[in-house]
Amino acid sequence: PMLPIHILIQNLLYDISQLGIPWDSVDEDFLLKPRQWDPSGVGRFMLILGPLSSFFDILTFLVLWFVFKANSPLCQGLFQAGWFVEGLLSQTIIVHMIRTIKIPFVQSRAALPLMLSTFGVILIGAIIPFSPIGHSLGMQSLPKAYFLWLLLILISYMLFTQLIKGWYIKKFKSWLA
């Protein structure tokens, strides 16, 4: 698993990525009719979407373990770096997925400050394992092929999230409102 310092840095970077949220706006058509917030919807949402995130974390573990042979103490820095990057990127991207009922980046885009903060953190997070900071934290540089796998995992995560979001909206007639 990741070291405590990795988790702290990952959490700090994620928090920084969310600094753009106050400048974001809601889709205009979402505001056309008044809505009453139902807090039970958030709990239901977490129970449905939470396991999906865990599934893709486990998939990342399997790729690191079997494809990149990060399965010995000698390679723990590689495993930690791969998990650090996937975890940070997936939790940062998911914000764009859940902020709208529409297709993110296509039908609805976040405000520029949120786009800059999230994609800036994604870039920083992807670079850390290659940097002196990452190496001082025990991370190993990730092979280029890892990023192809990561891209496949993240795109799959986004697609499944969008599918589940569509199902959720049809079933419960609302989206986190």
N, C-alpha and C. Protein backbone atom coordinates (compact mmCIF):
# COMPACT_ATOMS: atom_id res chain seq x y z
N PRO A 1 0.82 -1.21 0.00
CA PRO A 1 0.00 0.00 0.00
C PRO A 1 0.86 1.27 0.00
N MET A 2 0.19 2.38 -0.18
CA MET A 2 0.91 3.65 -0.14
C MET A 2 1.36 3.96 1.28
N LEU A 3 2.41 4.74 1.36
CA LEU A 3 2.89 5.21 2.66
C LEU A 3 1.97 6.34 3.15
N PRO A 4 1.93 6.58 4.45
CA PRO A 4 1.10 7.67 4.97
C PRO A 4 1.42 9.02 4.31
N ILE A 5 2.69 9.29 4.03
CA ILE A 5 3.05 10.57 3.40
C ILE A 5 2.47 10.66 1.99
N HIS A 6 2.38 9.52 1.29
CA HIS A 6 1.78 9.52 -0.05
C HIS A 6 0.31 9.90 0.04
N ILE A 7 -0.38 9.33 1.03
CA ILE A 7 -1.81 9.62 1.20
C ILE A 7 -2.02 11.08 1.56
N LEU A 8 -1.16 11.61 2.43
CA LEU A 8 -1.27 13.03 2.80
C LEU A 8 -1.06 13.94 1.60
N ILE A 9 -0.05 13.64 0.79
CA ILE A 9 0.22 14.46 -0.40
C ILE A 9 -0.92 14.32 -1.41
N GLN A 10 -1.40 13.10 -1.58
CA GLN A 10 -2.53 12.88 -2.49
C GLN A 10 -3.75 13.67 -2.03
N ASN A 11 -4.04 13.64 -0.74
CA ASN A 11 -5.18 14.39 -0.21
C ASN A 11 -4.99 15.89 -0.36
N LEU A 12 -3.77 16.37 -0.11
CA LEU A 12 -3.49 17.80 -0.27
C LEU A 12 -3.69 18.23 -1.72
N LEU A 13 -3.16 17.44 -2.65
CA LEU A 13 -3.31 17.78 -4.06
C LEU A 13 -4.79 17.75 -4.48
N TYR A 14 -5.51 16.74 -4.02
CA TYR A 14 -6.94 16.68 -4.34
C TYR A 14 -7.67 17.91 -3.79
N ASP A 15 -7.36 18.28 -2.55
CA ASP A 15 -7.99 19.47 -1.97
C ASP A 15 -7.68 20.72 -2.80
N ILE A 16 -6.44 20.84 -3.25
CA ILE A 16 -6.07 21.97 -4.10
C ILE A 16 -6.87 21.94 -5.40
N SER A 17 -7.07 20.74 -5.96
CA SER A 17 -7.81 20.63 -7.22
C SER A 17 -9.25 21.12 -7.07
N GLN A 18 -9.77 21.09 -5.86
CA GLN A 18 -11.16 21.48 -5.63
C GLN A 18 -11.33 22.97 -5.32
N LEU A 19 -10.23 23.71 -5.28
CA LEU A 19 -10.32 25.14 -4.99
C LEU A 19 -11.10 25.91 -6.05
N GLY A 20 -11.24 25.34 -7.24
CA GLY A 20 -12.00 26.01 -8.30
C GLY A 20 -13.50 25.84 -8.20
N ILE A 21 -13.98 24.99 -7.30
CA ILE A 21 -15.42 24.72 -7.21
C ILE A 21 -16.26 25.98 -6.97
N PRO A 22 -15.85 26.91 -6.11
CA PRO A 22 -16.70 28.09 -5.89
C PRO A 22 -16.98 28.89 -7.17
N TRP A 23 -16.16 28.77 -8.18
CA TRP A 23 -16.36 29.51 -9.42
C TRP A 23 -17.17 28.72 -10.45
N ASP A 24 -17.46 27.47 -10.13
CA ASP A 24 -18.22 26.65 -11.07
C ASP A 24 -19.69 27.05 -11.01
N SER A 25 -20.43 26.66 -12.02
CA SER A 25 -21.87 26.96 -12.05
C SER A 25 -22.64 25.69 -12.38
N VAL A 26 -23.91 25.74 -12.09
CA VAL A 26 -24.81 24.63 -12.37
C VAL A 26 -25.33 24.80 -13.79
N ASP A 27 -25.60 23.69 -14.47
CA ASP A 27 -26.20 23.77 -15.81
C ASP A 27 -27.49 24.56 -15.74
N GLU A 28 -27.69 25.46 -16.70
CA GLU A 28 -28.86 26.35 -16.67
C GLU A 28 -30.18 25.59 -16.66
N ASP A 29 -30.28 24.51 -17.43
CA ASP A 29 -31.54 23.78 -17.46
C ASP A 29 -31.84 23.06 -16.14
N PHE A 30 -30.82 22.87 -15.32
CA PHE A 30 -31.03 22.27 -14.00
C PHE A 30 -31.73 23.26 -13.07
N LEU A 31 -31.60 24.54 -13.39
CA LEU A 31 -32.19 25.59 -12.55
C LEU A 31 -33.61 25.99 -12.98
N LEU A 32 -34.13 25.37 -14.03
CA LEU A 32 -35.43 25.77 -14.56
C LEU A 32 -36.58 25.52 -13.60
N LYS A 33 -36.46 24.50 -12.77
CA LYS A 33 -37.53 24.25 -11.80
C LYS A 33 -36.92 24.13 -10.41
N PRO A 34 -37.66 24.59 -9.40
CA PRO A 34 -37.15 24.50 -8.03
C PRO A 34 -36.98 23.03 -7.61
N ARG A 35 -35.97 22.78 -6.82
CA ARG A 35 -35.70 21.42 -6.34
C ARG A 35 -35.46 21.48 -4.85
N GLN A 36 -35.93 20.45 -4.19
CA GLN A 36 -35.66 20.32 -2.76
C GLN A 36 -34.55 19.29 -2.60
N TRP A 37 -33.55 19.65 -1.83
CA TRP A 37 -32.42 18.75 -1.63
C TRP A 37 -32.83 17.61 -0.73
N ASP A 38 -32.51 16.39 -1.15
CA ASP A 38 -32.82 15.19 -0.38
C ASP A 38 -31.50 14.55 0.04
N PRO A 39 -31.10 14.70 1.30
CA PRO A 39 -29.81 14.16 1.73
C PRO A 39 -29.71 12.64 1.59
N SER A 40 -30.84 11.93 1.57
CA SER A 40 -30.77 10.48 1.40
C SER A 40 -30.24 10.12 0.01
N GLY A 41 -30.41 11.04 -0.95
CA GLY A 41 -29.89 10.80 -2.29
C GLY A 41 -28.38 10.70 -2.31
N VAL A 42 -27.71 11.45 -1.47
CA VAL A 42 -26.25 11.41 -1.41
C VAL A 42 -25.78 10.05 -0.89
N GLY A 43 -26.43 9.57 0.17
CA GLY A 43 -26.08 8.26 0.71
C GLY A 43 -26.32 7.15 -0.30
N ARG A 44 -27.45 7.21 -0.97
CA ARG A 44 -27.78 6.22 -2.00
C ARG A 44 -26.75 6.28 -3.12
N PHE A 45 -26.39 7.49 -3.53
CA PHE A 45 -25.39 7.69 -4.57
C PHE A 45 -24.05 7.07 -4.17
N MET A 46 -23.64 7.28 -2.92
CA MET A 46 -22.36 6.73 -2.45
C MET A 46 -22.39 5.21 -2.44
N LEU A 47 -23.50 4.63 -2.05
CA LEU A 47 -23.61 3.17 -2.02
C LEU A 47 -23.57 2.57 -3.42
N ILE A 48 -24.04 3.31 -4.40
CA ILE A 48 -24.06 2.81 -5.77
C ILE A 48 -22.74 3.06 -6.48
N LEU A 49 -22.21 4.27 -6.36
CA LEU A 49 -21.00 4.62 -7.11
C LEU A 49 -19.71 4.26 -6.38
N GLY A 50 -19.74 4.18 -5.06
CA GLY A 50 -18.53 3.86 -4.29
C GLY A 50 -17.86 2.56 -4.71
N PRO A 51 -18.61 1.47 -4.84
CA PRO A 51 -17.98 0.21 -5.25
C PRO A 51 -17.35 0.27 -6.63
N LEU A 52 -17.86 1.13 -7.50
CA LEU A 52 -17.26 1.27 -8.83
C LEU A 52 -15.84 1.80 -8.72
N SER A 53 -15.63 2.79 -7.88
CA SER A 53 -14.30 3.33 -7.65
C SER A 53 -13.37 2.25 -7.12
N SER A 54 -13.85 1.46 -6.18
CA SER A 54 -13.04 0.38 -5.61
C SER A 54 -12.69 -0.66 -6.67
N PHE A 55 -13.63 -0.95 -7.55
CA PHE A 55 -13.37 -1.91 -8.63
C PHE A 55 -12.19 -1.45 -9.49
N PHE A 56 -12.17 -0.17 -9.85
CA PHE A 56 -11.09 0.32 -10.70
C PHE A 56 -9.77 0.45 -9.94
N ASP A 57 -9.83 0.68 -8.63
CA ASP A 57 -8.61 0.62 -7.82
C ASP A 57 -8.03 -0.80 -7.85
N ILE A 58 -8.89 -1.78 -7.66
CA ILE A 58 -8.44 -3.18 -7.68
C ILE A 58 -7.91 -3.55 -9.05
N LEU A 59 -8.55 -3.08 -10.10
CA LEU A 59 -8.06 -3.32 -11.45
C LEU A 59 -6.65 -2.73 -11.62
N THR A 60 -6.44 -1.54 -11.08
CA THR A 60 -5.11 -0.93 -11.13
C THR A 60 -4.10 -1.78 -10.37
N PHE A 61 -4.48 -2.29 -9.21
CA PHE A 61 -3.58 -3.17 -8.44
C PHE A 61 -3.19 -4.37 -9.28
N LEU A 62 -4.17 -4.97 -9.95
CA LEU A 62 -3.89 -6.17 -10.75
C LEU A 62 -2.95 -5.85 -11.91
N VAL A 63 -3.16 -4.72 -12.55
CA VAL A 63 -2.26 -4.32 -13.65
C VAL A 63 -0.85 -4.10 -13.11
N LEU A 64 -0.73 -3.40 -12.01
CA LEU A 64 0.60 -3.16 -11.43
C LEU A 64 1.26 -4.47 -11.03
N TRP A 65 0.50 -5.38 -10.44
CA TRP A 65 1.03 -6.64 -9.93
C TRP A 65 1.43 -7.59 -11.06
N PHE A 66 0.52 -7.80 -12.01
CA PHE A 66 0.74 -8.82 -13.02
C PHE A 66 1.39 -8.30 -14.30
N VAL A 67 1.03 -7.12 -14.75
CA VAL A 67 1.59 -6.59 -16.00
C VAL A 67 2.96 -5.97 -15.75
N PHE A 68 3.08 -5.18 -14.69
CA PHE A 68 4.34 -4.48 -14.44
C PHE A 68 5.19 -5.15 -13.37
N LYS A 69 4.75 -6.30 -12.89
CA LYS A 69 5.52 -7.13 -11.94
C LYS A 69 5.93 -6.35 -10.69
N ALA A 70 5.08 -5.43 -10.27
CA ALA A 70 5.34 -4.69 -9.03
C ALA A 70 4.82 -5.53 -7.86
N ASN A 71 5.43 -6.70 -7.70
CA ASN A 71 4.93 -7.69 -6.74
C ASN A 71 5.99 -8.19 -5.78
N SER A 72 6.98 -7.35 -5.53
CA SER A 72 8.02 -7.71 -4.56
C SER A 72 8.42 -6.45 -3.79
N PRO A 73 9.06 -6.63 -2.63
CA PRO A 73 9.50 -5.44 -1.87
C PRO A 73 10.40 -4.52 -2.69
N LEU A 74 11.15 -5.08 -3.61
CA LEU A 74 12.03 -4.28 -4.46
C LEU A 74 11.24 -3.33 -5.36
N CYS A 75 10.02 -3.72 -5.69
CA CYS A 75 9.19 -2.91 -6.60
C CYS A 75 8.07 -2.17 -5.90
N GLN A 76 8.13 -2.10 -4.57
CA GLN A 76 7.02 -1.43 -3.87
C GLN A 76 6.91 0.04 -4.25
N GLY A 77 8.02 0.69 -4.57
CA GLY A 77 7.97 2.09 -4.99
C GLY A 77 7.23 2.27 -6.31
N LEU A 78 7.33 1.28 -7.19
CA LEU A 78 6.59 1.31 -8.45
C LEU A 78 5.10 1.14 -8.19
N PHE A 79 4.77 0.17 -7.34
CA PHE A 79 3.37 -0.08 -6.99
C PHE A 79 2.76 1.17 -6.34
N GLN A 80 3.49 1.75 -5.40
CA GLN A 80 2.99 2.93 -4.69
C GLN A 80 2.80 4.11 -5.64
N ALA A 81 3.75 4.30 -6.55
CA ALA A 81 3.64 5.40 -7.51
C ALA A 81 2.44 5.21 -8.42
N GLY A 82 2.25 3.98 -8.90
CA GLY A 82 1.12 3.70 -9.78
C GLY A 82 -0.21 3.90 -9.10
N TRP A 83 -0.30 3.46 -7.84
CA TRP A 83 -1.55 3.62 -7.10
C TRP A 83 -1.79 5.10 -6.76
N PHE A 84 -0.72 5.80 -6.41
CA PHE A 84 -0.80 7.23 -6.11
C PHE A 84 -1.39 7.99 -7.30
N VAL A 85 -0.83 7.75 -8.47
CA VAL A 85 -1.26 8.48 -9.67
C VAL A 85 -2.70 8.12 -10.03
N GLU A 86 -3.02 6.83 -10.07
CA GLU A 86 -4.38 6.42 -10.43
C GLU A 86 -5.40 6.96 -9.43
N GLY A 87 -5.08 6.86 -8.15
CA GLY A 87 -6.01 7.34 -7.13
C GLY A 87 -6.27 8.83 -7.23
N LEU A 88 -5.20 9.60 -7.42
CA LEU A 88 -5.35 11.05 -7.53
C LEU A 88 -6.13 11.43 -8.78
N LEU A 89 -5.76 10.83 -9.91
CA LEU A 89 -6.42 11.19 -11.16
C LEU A 89 -7.89 10.78 -11.16
N SER A 90 -8.18 9.59 -10.66
CA SER A 90 -9.58 9.14 -10.70
C SER A 90 -10.46 9.99 -9.78
N GLN A 91 -9.98 10.33 -8.60
CA GLN A 91 -10.83 11.14 -7.71
C GLN A 91 -10.95 12.58 -8.19
N THR A 92 -9.98 13.05 -8.94
CA THR A 92 -10.04 14.41 -9.47
C THR A 92 -10.98 14.47 -10.68
N ILE A 93 -10.89 13.47 -11.54
CA ILE A 93 -11.74 13.44 -12.75
C ILE A 93 -13.20 13.23 -12.39
N ILE A 94 -13.46 12.44 -11.36
CA ILE A 94 -14.85 12.11 -11.03
C ILE A 94 -15.67 13.36 -10.70
N VAL A 95 -15.02 14.40 -10.24
CA VAL A 95 -15.73 15.66 -9.95
C VAL A 95 -16.43 16.17 -11.21
N HIS A 96 -15.76 16.05 -12.34
CA HIS A 96 -16.36 16.49 -13.60
C HIS A 96 -17.51 15.58 -14.01
N MET A 97 -17.44 14.33 -13.62
CA MET A 97 -18.48 13.36 -13.98
C MET A 97 -19.76 13.59 -13.18
N ILE A 98 -19.63 13.95 -11.91
CA ILE A 98 -20.82 14.04 -11.06
C ILE A 98 -21.39 15.45 -10.93
N ARG A 99 -20.72 16.44 -11.49
CA ARG A 99 -21.19 17.82 -11.34
C ARG A 99 -22.37 18.15 -12.26
N THR A 100 -22.70 17.25 -13.17
CA THR A 100 -23.75 17.51 -14.15
C THR A 100 -24.48 16.22 -14.50
N ILE A 101 -25.74 16.36 -14.93
CA ILE A 101 -26.44 15.18 -15.43
C ILE A 101 -26.08 14.92 -16.89
N LYS A 102 -25.44 15.89 -17.51
CA LYS A 102 -25.08 15.79 -18.93
C LYS A 102 -23.76 15.04 -19.10
N ILE A 103 -23.33 14.93 -20.35
CA ILE A 103 -22.04 14.30 -20.64
C ILE A 103 -20.95 15.34 -20.37
N PRO A 104 -20.09 15.08 -19.38
CA PRO A 104 -19.06 16.07 -19.05
C PRO A 104 -18.08 16.29 -20.20
N PHE A 105 -17.59 17.49 -20.28
CA PHE A 105 -16.62 17.94 -21.28
C PHE A 105 -17.24 18.08 -22.67
N VAL A 106 -18.40 17.46 -22.92
CA VAL A 106 -19.04 17.51 -24.23
C VAL A 106 -20.28 18.40 -24.16
N GLN A 107 -21.22 18.03 -23.29
CA GLN A 107 -22.47 18.79 -23.16
C GLN A 107 -22.41 19.82 -22.04
N SER A 108 -21.49 19.63 -21.12
CA SER A 108 -21.36 20.56 -19.99
C SER A 108 -19.91 20.62 -19.54
N ARG A 109 -19.38 21.82 -19.49
CA ARG A 109 -18.00 22.00 -19.04
C ARG A 109 -17.99 22.80 -17.75
N ALA A 110 -17.07 22.44 -16.90
CA ALA A 110 -16.89 23.19 -15.66
C ALA A 110 -16.33 24.57 -15.99
N ALA A 111 -16.47 25.48 -15.06
CA ALA A 111 -15.90 26.82 -15.21
C ALA A 111 -14.38 26.73 -15.31
N LEU A 112 -13.78 27.71 -15.94
CA LEU A 112 -12.34 27.71 -16.18
C LEU A 112 -11.52 27.51 -14.90
N PRO A 113 -11.83 28.17 -13.79
CA PRO A 113 -11.02 27.93 -12.59
C PRO A 113 -11.02 26.46 -12.13
N LEU A 114 -12.16 25.79 -12.24
CA LEU A 114 -12.21 24.38 -11.86
C LEU A 114 -11.46 23.52 -12.86
N MET A 115 -11.57 23.83 -14.13
CA MET A 115 -10.81 23.09 -15.15
C MET A 115 -9.30 23.26 -14.90
N LEU A 116 -8.87 24.48 -14.64
CA LEU A 116 -7.45 24.72 -14.42
C LEU A 116 -6.95 24.04 -13.15
N SER A 117 -7.72 24.12 -12.08
CA SER A 117 -7.27 23.52 -10.82
C SER A 117 -7.23 22.00 -10.91
N THR A 118 -8.24 21.40 -11.54
CA THR A 118 -8.24 19.93 -11.61
C THR A 118 -7.18 19.42 -12.58
N PHE A 119 -7.10 20.01 -13.75
CA PHE A 119 -6.12 19.50 -14.71
C PHE A 119 -4.69 19.89 -14.35
N GLY A 120 -4.52 20.98 -13.63
CA GLY A 120 -3.20 21.31 -13.09
C GLY A 120 -2.73 20.27 -12.09
N VAL A 121 -3.62 19.85 -11.20
CA VAL A 121 -3.28 18.83 -10.21
C VAL A 121 -3.05 17.48 -10.89
N ILE A 122 -3.83 17.17 -11.91
CA ILE A 122 -3.62 15.92 -12.66
C ILE A 122 -2.20 15.91 -13.24
N LEU A 123 -1.79 17.01 -13.82
CA LEU A 123 -0.45 17.09 -14.40
C LEU A 123 0.63 16.95 -13.32
N ILE A 124 0.47 17.67 -12.24
CA ILE A 124 1.44 17.59 -11.14
C ILE A 124 1.49 16.17 -10.58
N GLY A 125 0.33 15.56 -10.36
CA GLY A 125 0.28 14.20 -9.82
C GLY A 125 0.95 13.19 -10.73
N ALA A 126 0.79 13.35 -12.03
CA ALA A 126 1.41 12.41 -12.98
C ALA A 126 2.92 12.59 -13.04
N ILE A 127 3.41 13.79 -12.73
CA ILE A 127 4.85 14.07 -12.79
C ILE A 127 5.57 13.67 -11.51
N ILE A 128 4.90 13.70 -10.38
CA ILE A 128 5.56 13.46 -9.09
C ILE A 128 6.43 12.21 -9.06
N PRO A 129 5.97 11.04 -9.54
CA PRO A 129 6.84 9.86 -9.46
C PRO A 129 8.17 9.99 -10.22
N PHE A 130 8.23 10.90 -11.17
CA PHE A 130 9.45 11.09 -11.96
C PHE A 130 10.36 12.16 -11.36
N SER A 131 9.88 12.85 -10.36
CA SER A 131 10.59 14.01 -9.82
C SER A 131 11.47 13.63 -8.63
N PRO A 132 12.40 14.51 -8.28
CA PRO A 132 13.18 14.29 -7.06
C PRO A 132 12.29 14.17 -5.82
N ILE A 133 11.18 14.90 -5.80
CA ILE A 133 10.26 14.80 -4.66
C ILE A 133 9.70 13.38 -4.58
N GLY A 134 9.24 12.85 -5.71
CA GLY A 134 8.71 11.49 -5.74
C GLY A 134 9.74 10.47 -5.33
N HIS A 135 10.96 10.63 -5.83
CA HIS A 135 12.03 9.69 -5.48
C HIS A 135 12.37 9.78 -4.00
N SER A 136 12.34 11.00 -3.45
CA SER A 136 12.63 11.14 -2.01
C SER A 136 11.53 10.52 -1.15
N LEU A 137 10.35 10.34 -1.74
CA LEU A 137 9.23 9.71 -1.04
C LEU A 137 9.19 8.20 -1.27
N GLY A 138 10.20 7.69 -1.97
CA GLY A 138 10.28 6.25 -2.21
C GLY A 138 9.55 5.78 -3.45
N MET A 139 9.05 6.71 -4.25
CA MET A 139 8.36 6.31 -5.48
C MET A 139 9.38 6.03 -6.57
N GLN A 140 9.02 5.11 -7.44
CA GLN A 140 9.84 4.81 -8.61
C GLN A 140 9.15 5.41 -9.84
N SER A 141 9.96 5.79 -10.82
CA SER A 141 9.40 6.30 -12.07
C SER A 141 8.54 5.22 -12.72
N LEU A 142 7.43 5.63 -13.26
CA LEU A 142 6.51 4.69 -13.90
C LEU A 142 6.91 4.47 -15.36
N PRO A 143 6.79 3.24 -15.85
CA PRO A 143 7.08 3.00 -17.27
C PRO A 143 6.04 3.70 -18.14
N LYS A 144 6.44 4.07 -19.34
CA LYS A 144 5.52 4.76 -20.25
C LYS A 144 4.27 3.93 -20.51
N ALA A 145 4.45 2.62 -20.60
CA ALA A 145 3.30 1.74 -20.87
C ALA A 145 2.25 1.82 -19.77
N TYR A 146 2.67 2.17 -18.56
CA TYR A 146 1.70 2.30 -17.47
C TYR A 146 0.64 3.33 -17.82
N PHE A 147 1.04 4.40 -18.48
CA PHE A 147 0.10 5.48 -18.78
C PHE A 147 -0.93 5.07 -19.84
N LEU A 148 -0.57 4.12 -20.70
CA LEU A 148 -1.57 3.58 -21.63
C LEU A 148 -2.63 2.78 -20.86
N TRP A 149 -2.16 1.96 -19.92
CA TRP A 149 -3.08 1.21 -19.06
C TRP A 149 -3.92 2.18 -18.23
N LEU A 150 -3.28 3.19 -17.68
CA LEU A 150 -3.99 4.17 -16.86
C LEU A 150 -5.07 4.88 -17.66
N LEU A 151 -4.74 5.26 -18.88
CA LEU A 151 -5.72 5.92 -19.74
C LEU A 151 -6.91 5.00 -20.00
N LEU A 152 -6.64 3.74 -20.27
CA LEU A 152 -7.71 2.77 -20.48
C LEU A 152 -8.58 2.61 -19.23
N ILE A 153 -7.93 2.53 -18.08
CA ILE A 153 -8.66 2.40 -16.81
C ILE A 153 -9.51 3.65 -16.54
N LEU A 154 -8.93 4.82 -16.72
CA LEU A 154 -9.67 6.06 -16.43
C LEU A 154 -10.83 6.29 -17.40
N ILE A 155 -10.61 6.00 -18.67
CA ILE A 155 -11.71 6.14 -19.64
C ILE A 155 -12.82 5.15 -19.32
N SER A 156 -12.45 3.93 -18.97
CA SER A 156 -13.46 2.93 -18.59
C SER A 156 -14.23 3.39 -17.35
N TYR A 157 -13.51 3.92 -16.38
CA TYR A 157 -14.13 4.43 -15.16
C TYR A 157 -15.13 5.54 -15.49
N MET A 158 -14.73 6.44 -16.37
CA MET A 158 -15.61 7.54 -16.76
C MET A 158 -16.85 7.02 -17.50
N LEU A 159 -16.65 6.06 -18.40
CA LEU A 159 -17.78 5.51 -19.15
C LEU A 159 -18.76 4.79 -18.23
N PHE A 160 -18.24 3.96 -17.33
CA PHE A 160 -19.12 3.25 -16.39
C PHE A 160 -19.82 4.23 -15.45
N THR A 161 -19.12 5.26 -15.04
CA THR A 161 -19.75 6.28 -14.19
C THR A 161 -20.89 6.95 -14.93
N GLN A 162 -20.68 7.27 -16.19
CA GLN A 162 -21.73 7.91 -16.99
C GLN A 162 -22.92 6.98 -17.17
N LEU A 163 -22.65 5.69 -17.41
CA LEU A 163 -23.74 4.72 -17.55
C LEU A 163 -24.53 4.58 -16.25
N ILE A 164 -23.83 4.47 -15.15
CA ILE A 164 -24.50 4.33 -13.85
C ILE A 164 -25.27 5.61 -13.52
N LYS A 165 -24.69 6.74 -13.87
CA LYS A 165 -25.38 8.02 -13.64
C LYS A 165 -26.70 8.05 -14.41
N GLY A 166 -26.67 7.63 -15.67
CA GLY A 166 -27.90 7.59 -16.47
C GLY A 166 -28.94 6.65 -15.87
N TRP A 167 -28.49 5.48 -15.44
CA TRP A 167 -29.40 4.52 -14.79
C TRP A 167 -29.98 5.12 -13.51
N TYR A 168 -29.11 5.75 -12.72
CA TYR A 168 -29.52 6.34 -11.44
C TYR A 168 -30.60 7.40 -11.67
N ILE A 169 -30.40 8.26 -12.66
CA ILE A 169 -31.36 9.33 -12.95
C ILE A 169 -32.70 8.74 -13.39
N LYS A 170 -32.66 7.70 -14.22
CA LYS A 170 -33.91 7.07 -14.65
C LYS A 170 -34.63 6.41 -13.48
N LYS A 171 -33.89 5.73 -12.64
CA LYS A 171 -34.50 4.99 -11.53
C LYS A 171 -35.04 5.92 -10.44
N PHE A 172 -34.24 6.92 -10.05
CA PHE A 172 -34.61 7.76 -8.91
C PHE A 172 -35.15 9.13 -9.30
N LYS A 173 -35.20 9.41 -10.60
CA LYS A 173 -35.78 10.66 -11.12
C LYS A 173 -35.10 11.92 -10.58
N SER A 174 -33.84 11.78 -10.20
CA SER A 174 -33.10 12.96 -9.73
C SER A 174 -31.61 12.66 -9.81
N TRP A 175 -30.83 13.71 -9.68
CA TRP A 175 -29.38 13.57 -9.64
C TRP A 175 -28.85 14.45 -8.52
N LEU A 176 -28.59 13.87 -7.40
CA LEU A 176 -27.98 14.55 -6.25
C LEU A 176 -28.67 15.87 -5.91
N ALA A 177 -29.96 15.90 -6.05
CA ALA A 177 -30.69 17.14 -5.73
C ALA A 177 -31.52 16.94 -4.48
